[in-house]
C-alpha atoms as a PDB file:
ATOM      1  CA  UNK A   1       0.000   0.000   0.000  1.00  0.00           C
ATOM      2  CA  UNK A   2       1.422   3.378  -1.016  1.00  0.00           C
ATOM      3  CA  UNK A   3       1.824   6.366   1.243  1.00  0.00           C
ATOM      4  CA  UNK A   4      -1.353   7.958  -0.044  1.00  0.00           C
ATOM      5  CA  UNK A   5      -3.522   5.083   1.157  1.00  0.00           C
ATOM      6  CA  UNK A   6      -2.072   5.218   4.644  1.00  0.00           C
ATOM      7  CA  UNK A   7      -4.592   5.854   7.375  1.00  0.00           C
ATOM      8  CA  UNK A   8      -7.483   5.992   4.917  1.00  0.00           C
ATOM      9  CA  UNK A   9     -10.428   4.283   6.548  1.00  0.00           C
ATOM     10  CA  UNK A  10     -12.211   1.792   4.323  1.00  0.00           C
ATOM     11  CA  UNK A  11     -15.885   2.425   3.796  1.00  0.00           C
ATOM     12  CA  UNK A  12     -18.233  -0.345   4.778  1.00  0.00           C
ATOM     13  CA  UNK A  13     -21.814  -0.642   3.607  1.00  0.00           C
ATOM     14  CA  UNK A  14     -24.374  -2.816   5.308  1.00  0.00           C
ATOM     15  CA  UNK A  15     -26.738  -4.806   3.130  1.00  0.00           C
ATOM     16  CA  UNK A  16     -29.939  -5.975   4.777  1.00  0.00           C
ATOM     17  CA  UNK A  17     -32.342  -8.835   4.142  1.00  0.00           C
ATOM     18  CA  UNK A  18     -34.869  -7.688   1.497  1.00  0.00           C
ATOM     19  CA  UNK A  19     -37.438 -10.269   2.595  1.00  0.00           C
ATOM     20  CA  UNK A  20     -38.134 -12.541   5.555  1.00  0.00           C
ATOM     21  CA  UNK A  21     -37.097 -16.150   5.018  1.00  0.00           C
ATOM     22  CA  UNK A  22     -34.096 -18.467   5.130  1.00  0.00           C
ATOM     23  CA  UNK A  23     -30.672 -17.332   4.028  1.00  0.00           C
ATOM     24  CA  UNK A  24     -29.263 -19.197   1.043  1.00  0.00           C
ATOM     25  CA  UNK A  25     -25.586 -18.535   0.390  1.00  0.00           C
ATOM     26  CA  UNK A  26     -24.811 -18.038  -3.286  1.00  0.00           C
ATOM     27  CA  UNK A  27     -22.865 -21.304  -3.412  1.00  0.00           C
ATOM     28  CA  UNK A  28     -26.136 -23.071  -2.575  1.00  0.00           C
ATOM     29  CA  UNK A  29     -28.271 -21.312  -5.203  1.00  0.00           C
ATOM     30  CA  UNK A  30     -29.313 -23.723  -7.963  1.00  0.00           C
ATOM     31  CA  UNK A  31     -28.340 -21.357 -10.790  1.00  0.00           C
ATOM     32  CA  UNK A  32     -24.650 -21.652 -11.755  1.00  0.00           C
ATOM     33  CA  UNK A  33     -24.422 -18.031 -12.942  1.00  0.00           C
ATOM     34  CA  UNK A  34     -25.281 -16.839  -9.431  1.00  0.00           C
ATOM     35  CA  UNK A  35     -23.635 -19.726  -7.550  1.00  0.00           C
ATOM     36  CA  UNK A  36     -20.284 -19.001  -9.229  1.00  0.00           C
ATOM     37  CA  UNK A  37     -20.735 -15.279  -8.482  1.00  0.00           C
ATOM     38  CA  UNK A  38     -20.525 -14.433 -12.184  1.00  0.00           C
ATOM     39  CA  UNK A  39     -23.041 -11.603 -11.632  1.00  0.00           C
ATOM     40  CA  UNK A  40     -21.295 -10.514  -8.424  1.00  0.00           C
ATOM     41  CA  UNK A  41     -21.130 -11.315  -4.733  1.00  0.00           C
ATOM     42  CA  UNK A  42     -24.188 -11.351  -2.528  1.00  0.00           C
ATOM     43  CA  UNK A  43     -26.741 -13.718  -1.024  1.00  0.00           C
ATOM     44  CA  UNK A  44     -30.167 -15.262  -1.459  1.00  0.00           C
ATOM     45  CA  UNK A  45     -33.191 -15.461   0.807  1.00  0.00           C
ATOM     46  CA  UNK A  46     -35.834 -18.134   0.298  1.00  0.00           C
ATOM     47  CA  UNK A  47     -38.870 -15.994   1.107  1.00  0.00           C
ATOM     48  CA  UNK A  48     -41.680 -16.737   3.514  1.00  0.00           C
ATOM     49  CA  UNK A  49     -43.563 -13.567   2.523  1.00  0.00           C
ATOM     50  CA  UNK A  50     -44.455 -11.700  -0.662  1.00  0.00           C
ATOM     51  CA  UNK A  51     -43.272  -8.213   0.283  1.00  0.00           C
ATOM     52  CA  UNK A  52     -39.785  -7.304  -0.941  1.00  0.00           C
ATOM     53  CA  UNK A  53     -37.892  -4.372   0.569  1.00  0.00           C
ATOM     54  CA  UNK A  54     -34.804  -2.449  -0.424  1.00  0.00           C
ATOM     55  CA  UNK A  55     -31.659  -4.057   1.033  1.00  0.00           C
ATOM     56  CA  UNK A  56     -29.793  -0.723   0.936  1.00  0.00           C
ATOM     57  CA  UNK A  57     -30.234   3.017   1.013  1.00  0.00           C
ATOM     58  CA  UNK A  58     -29.858   4.499  -2.439  1.00  0.00           C
ATOM     59  CA  UNK A  59     -31.490   5.302  -5.752  1.00  0.00           C
ATOM     60  CA  UNK A  60     -33.459   2.971  -8.020  1.00  0.00           C
ATOM     61  CA  UNK A  61     -31.369   2.815 -11.213  1.00  0.00           C
ATOM     62  CA  UNK A  62     -33.332   0.271 -13.224  1.00  0.00           C
ATOM     63  CA  UNK A  63     -36.525  -1.743 -13.225  1.00  0.00           C
ATOM     64  CA  UNK A  64     -36.414  -4.711 -15.605  1.00  0.00           C
ATOM     65  CA  UNK A  65     -39.408  -4.684 -17.914  1.00  0.00           C
ATOM     66  CA  UNK A  66     -40.156  -8.274 -16.903  1.00  0.00           C
ATOM     67  CA  UNK A  67     -40.354  -6.931 -13.318  1.00  0.00           C
ATOM     68  CA  UNK A  68     -38.316  -9.816 -11.868  1.00  0.00           C
ATOM     69  CA  UNK A  69     -35.347  -7.631 -10.954  1.00  0.00           C
ATOM     70  CA  UNK A  70     -34.375  -4.091 -10.168  1.00  0.00           C
ATOM     71  CA  UNK A  71     -31.152  -2.200  -9.709  1.00  0.00           C
ATOM     72  CA  UNK A  72     -30.174   0.156  -6.908  1.00  0.00           C
ATOM     73  CA  UNK A  73     -27.119   2.322  -6.354  1.00  0.00           C
ATOM     74  CA  UNK A  74     -25.918   3.409  -2.914  1.00  0.00           C
ATOM     75  CA  UNK A  75     -24.462   6.866  -2.223  1.00  0.00           C
ATOM     76  CA  UNK A  76     -20.993   5.229  -2.098  1.00  0.00           C
ATOM     77  CA  UNK A  77     -21.457   3.772  -5.582  1.00  0.00           C
ATOM     78  CA  UNK A  78     -22.263   0.159  -4.754  1.00  0.00           C
ATOM     79  CA  UNK A  79     -24.601  -1.243  -7.418  1.00  0.00           C
ATOM     80  CA  UNK A  80     -27.043  -3.760  -6.024  1.00  0.00           C
ATOM     81  CA  UNK A  81     -29.517  -5.904  -7.931  1.00  0.00           C
ATOM     82  CA  UNK A  82     -32.537  -7.485  -6.277  1.00  0.00           C
ATOM     83  CA  UNK A  83     -33.476 -10.494  -8.400  1.00  0.00           C
ATOM     84  CA  UNK A  84     -36.743 -12.273  -7.545  1.00  0.00           C
ATOM     85  CA  UNK A  85     -36.763 -16.004  -8.230  1.00  0.00           C
ATOM     86  CA  UNK A  86     -34.714 -18.055 -10.698  1.00  0.00           C
ATOM     87  CA  UNK A  87     -35.647 -18.140 -14.399  1.00  0.00           C
ATOM     88  CA  UNK A  88     -38.581 -15.874 -13.544  1.00  0.00           C
ATOM     89  CA  UNK A  89     -37.768 -13.640 -16.529  1.00  0.00           C
ATOM     90  CA  UNK A  90     -39.817 -16.242 -18.456  1.00  0.00           C
ATOM     91  CA  UNK A  91     -42.945 -15.294 -16.475  1.00  0.00           C
ATOM     92  CA  UNK A  92     -43.096 -11.871 -18.187  1.00  0.00           C
ATOM     93  CA  UNK A  93     -43.752  -9.941 -15.009  1.00  0.00           C
ATOM     94  CA  UNK A  94     -47.019 -11.689 -14.072  1.00  0.00           C
ATOM     95  CA  UNK A  95     -46.140 -12.642 -10.470  1.00  0.00           C
ATOM     96  CA  UNK A  96     -44.531  -9.279  -9.717  1.00  0.00           C
ATOM     97  CA  UNK A  97     -45.693  -5.837  -8.719  1.00  0.00           C
ATOM     98  CA  UNK A  98     -43.027  -3.125  -8.642  1.00  0.00           C
ATOM     99  CA  UNK A  99     -43.671  -0.359  -6.101  1.00  0.00           C
ATOM    100  CA  UNK A 100     -40.883   2.053  -7.095  1.00  0.00           C
ATOM    101  CA  UNK A 101     -39.691   3.764 -10.257  1.00  0.00           C
ATOM    102  CA  UNK A 102     -36.321   4.630 -11.748  1.00  0.00           C
ATOM    103  CA  UNK A 103     -34.796   7.611  -9.977  1.00  0.00           C
ATOM    104  CA  UNK A 104     -36.714   7.013  -6.724  1.00  0.00           C
ATOM    105  CA  UNK A 105     -34.700   7.384  -3.543  1.00  0.00           C
ATOM    106  CA  UNK A 106     -35.159   4.497  -1.130  1.00  0.00           C
ATOM    107  CA  UNK A 107     -34.002   3.674   2.358  1.00  0.00           C
ATOM    108  CA  UNK A 108     -33.182   0.188   3.572  1.00  0.00           C
ATOM    109  CA  UNK A 109     -36.565  -1.441   4.216  1.00  0.00           C
ATOM    110  CA  UNK A 110     -38.520   0.741   1.781  1.00  0.00           C
ATOM    111  CA  UNK A 111     -41.074  -1.586   0.104  1.00  0.00           C
ATOM    112  CA  UNK A 112     -39.943  -2.046  -3.519  1.00  0.00           C
ATOM    113  CA  UNK A 113     -41.937  -5.003  -4.869  1.00  0.00           C
ATOM    114  CA  UNK A 114     -44.378  -7.817  -4.241  1.00  0.00           C
ATOM    115  CA  UNK A 115     -43.870 -11.335  -5.550  1.00  0.00           C
ATOM    116  CA  UNK A 116     -46.761 -13.799  -5.784  1.00  0.00           C
ATOM    117  CA  UNK A 117     -44.976 -16.864  -4.372  1.00  0.00           C
ATOM    118  CA  UNK A 118     -47.787 -19.242  -5.352  1.00  0.00           C
ATOM    119  CA  UNK A 119     -47.629 -18.150  -9.004  1.00  0.00           C
ATOM    120  CA  UNK A 120     -43.853 -18.554  -9.042  1.00  0.00           C
ATOM    121  CA  UNK A 121     -44.108 -22.030  -7.473  1.00  0.00           C
ATOM    122  CA  UNK A 122     -46.949 -23.002  -9.833  1.00  0.00           C
ATOM    123  CA  UNK A 123     -44.600 -22.217 -12.740  1.00  0.00           C
ATOM    124  CA  UNK A 124     -42.023 -24.573 -11.130  1.00  0.00           C
ATOM    125  CA  UNK A 125     -39.582 -21.728 -10.510  1.00  0.00           C
ATOM    126  CA  UNK A 126     -37.347 -21.240  -7.497  1.00  0.00           C
ATOM    127  CA  UNK A 127     -38.589 -18.332  -5.327  1.00  0.00           C
ATOM    128  CA  UNK A 128     -35.173 -17.344  -3.917  1.00  0.00           C
ATOM    129  CA  UNK A 129     -34.694 -13.556  -3.768  1.00  0.00           C
ATOM    130  CA  UNK A 130     -31.113 -12.683  -4.642  1.00  0.00           C
ATOM    131  CA  UNK A 131     -29.284  -9.557  -3.544  1.00  0.00           C
ATOM    132  CA  UNK A 132     -26.220  -9.184  -5.761  1.00  0.00           C
ATOM    133  CA  UNK A 133     -23.511  -6.511  -5.810  1.00  0.00           C
ATOM    134  CA  UNK A 134     -23.191  -6.194  -9.586  1.00  0.00           C
ATOM    135  CA  UNK A 135     -20.091  -3.993  -9.521  1.00  0.00           C
ATOM    136  CA  UNK A 136     -18.221  -6.359  -7.186  1.00  0.00           C
ATOM    137  CA  UNK A 137     -15.034  -6.232  -9.279  1.00  0.00           C
ATOM    138  CA  UNK A 138     -14.865  -2.429  -9.323  1.00  0.00           C
ATOM    139  CA  UNK A 139     -16.054  -1.499  -5.864  1.00  0.00           C
ATOM    140  CA  UNK A 140     -15.871  -4.436  -3.504  1.00  0.00           C
ATOM    141  CA  UNK A 141     -12.819  -5.243  -1.430  1.00  0.00           C
ATOM    142  CA  UNK A 142     -14.546  -7.962   0.556  1.00  0.00           C
ATOM    143  CA  UNK A 143     -18.015  -9.082   1.512  1.00  0.00           C
ATOM    144  CA  UNK A 144     -18.516 -10.621   4.930  1.00  0.00           C
ATOM    145  CA  UNK A 145     -21.738 -12.517   5.535  1.00  0.00           C
ATOM    146  CA  UNK A 146     -22.876 -11.974   9.099  1.00  0.00           C
ATOM    147  CA  UNK A 147     -25.321 -14.890   8.985  1.00  0.00           C
ATOM    148  CA  UNK A 148     -24.965 -18.495   7.899  1.00  0.00           C
ATOM    149  CA  UNK A 149     -26.745 -20.635   5.321  1.00  0.00           C
ATOM    150  CA  UNK A 150     -30.300 -21.499   6.392  1.00  0.00           C
ATOM    151  CA  UNK A 151     -30.438 -18.787   9.080  1.00  0.00           C
ATOM    152  CA  UNK A 152     -33.933 -17.452   9.694  1.00  0.00           C
ATOM    153  CA  UNK A 153     -34.029 -13.813   8.642  1.00  0.00           C
ATOM    154  CA  UNK A 154     -36.480 -11.000   9.137  1.00  0.00           C
ATOM    155  CA  UNK A 155     -36.650  -8.013   6.800  1.00  0.00           C
ATOM    156  CA  UNK A 156     -33.972  -5.570   7.848  1.00  0.00           C
ATOM    157  CA  UNK A 157     -31.617  -8.145   9.390  1.00  0.00           C
ATOM    158  CA  UNK A 158     -28.013  -7.184   8.630  1.00  0.00           C
ATOM    159  CA  UNK A 159     -26.746  -9.851   6.240  1.00  0.00           C
ATOM    160  CA  UNK A 160     -23.644  -8.549   4.529  1.00  0.00           C
ATOM    161  CA  UNK A 161     -20.920  -6.098   5.424  1.00  0.00           C
ATOM    162  CA  UNK A 162     -19.457  -4.872   2.139  1.00  0.00           C
ATOM    163  CA  UNK A 163     -16.016  -3.280   2.480  1.00  0.00           C
ATOM    164  CA  UNK A 164     -15.387  -0.933  -0.439  1.00  0.00           C
ATOM    165  CA  UNK A 165     -12.131  -0.574  -2.334  1.00  0.00           C
END
């Protein structure tokens, strides 16, 4: 580390559970793209409720037209995607209701979406809600999970401490 980095405190962002349910570490997610962290680091929650909340404070940067995912950006530049279910892009938005729009400012625990779990299950899709840091390579020094696989989570439980580069 050069002289200029000396004494510079690393920024840490807390990422919270976006839904109540059981934690599923990415390694245990049944989609290899997410399991191998190709989209970025993060975690999944197998939901026990339909209401999805923002896992971070920030701005809504994108809402996918199929409504299964949305992007958020924190004031420190962390880009976070909330992705509802696996292969749910094929459902063309039917099980989802998005409660925010692009450019909206949200706090952690602001309601952002609803997912009809029964519809998702009826389509034989996995309901796991993924929270992924999509700019992991650029911004993330390390991500420390504060909970373990299969932990019971409530909305707003601290799940990940993201240390920024």
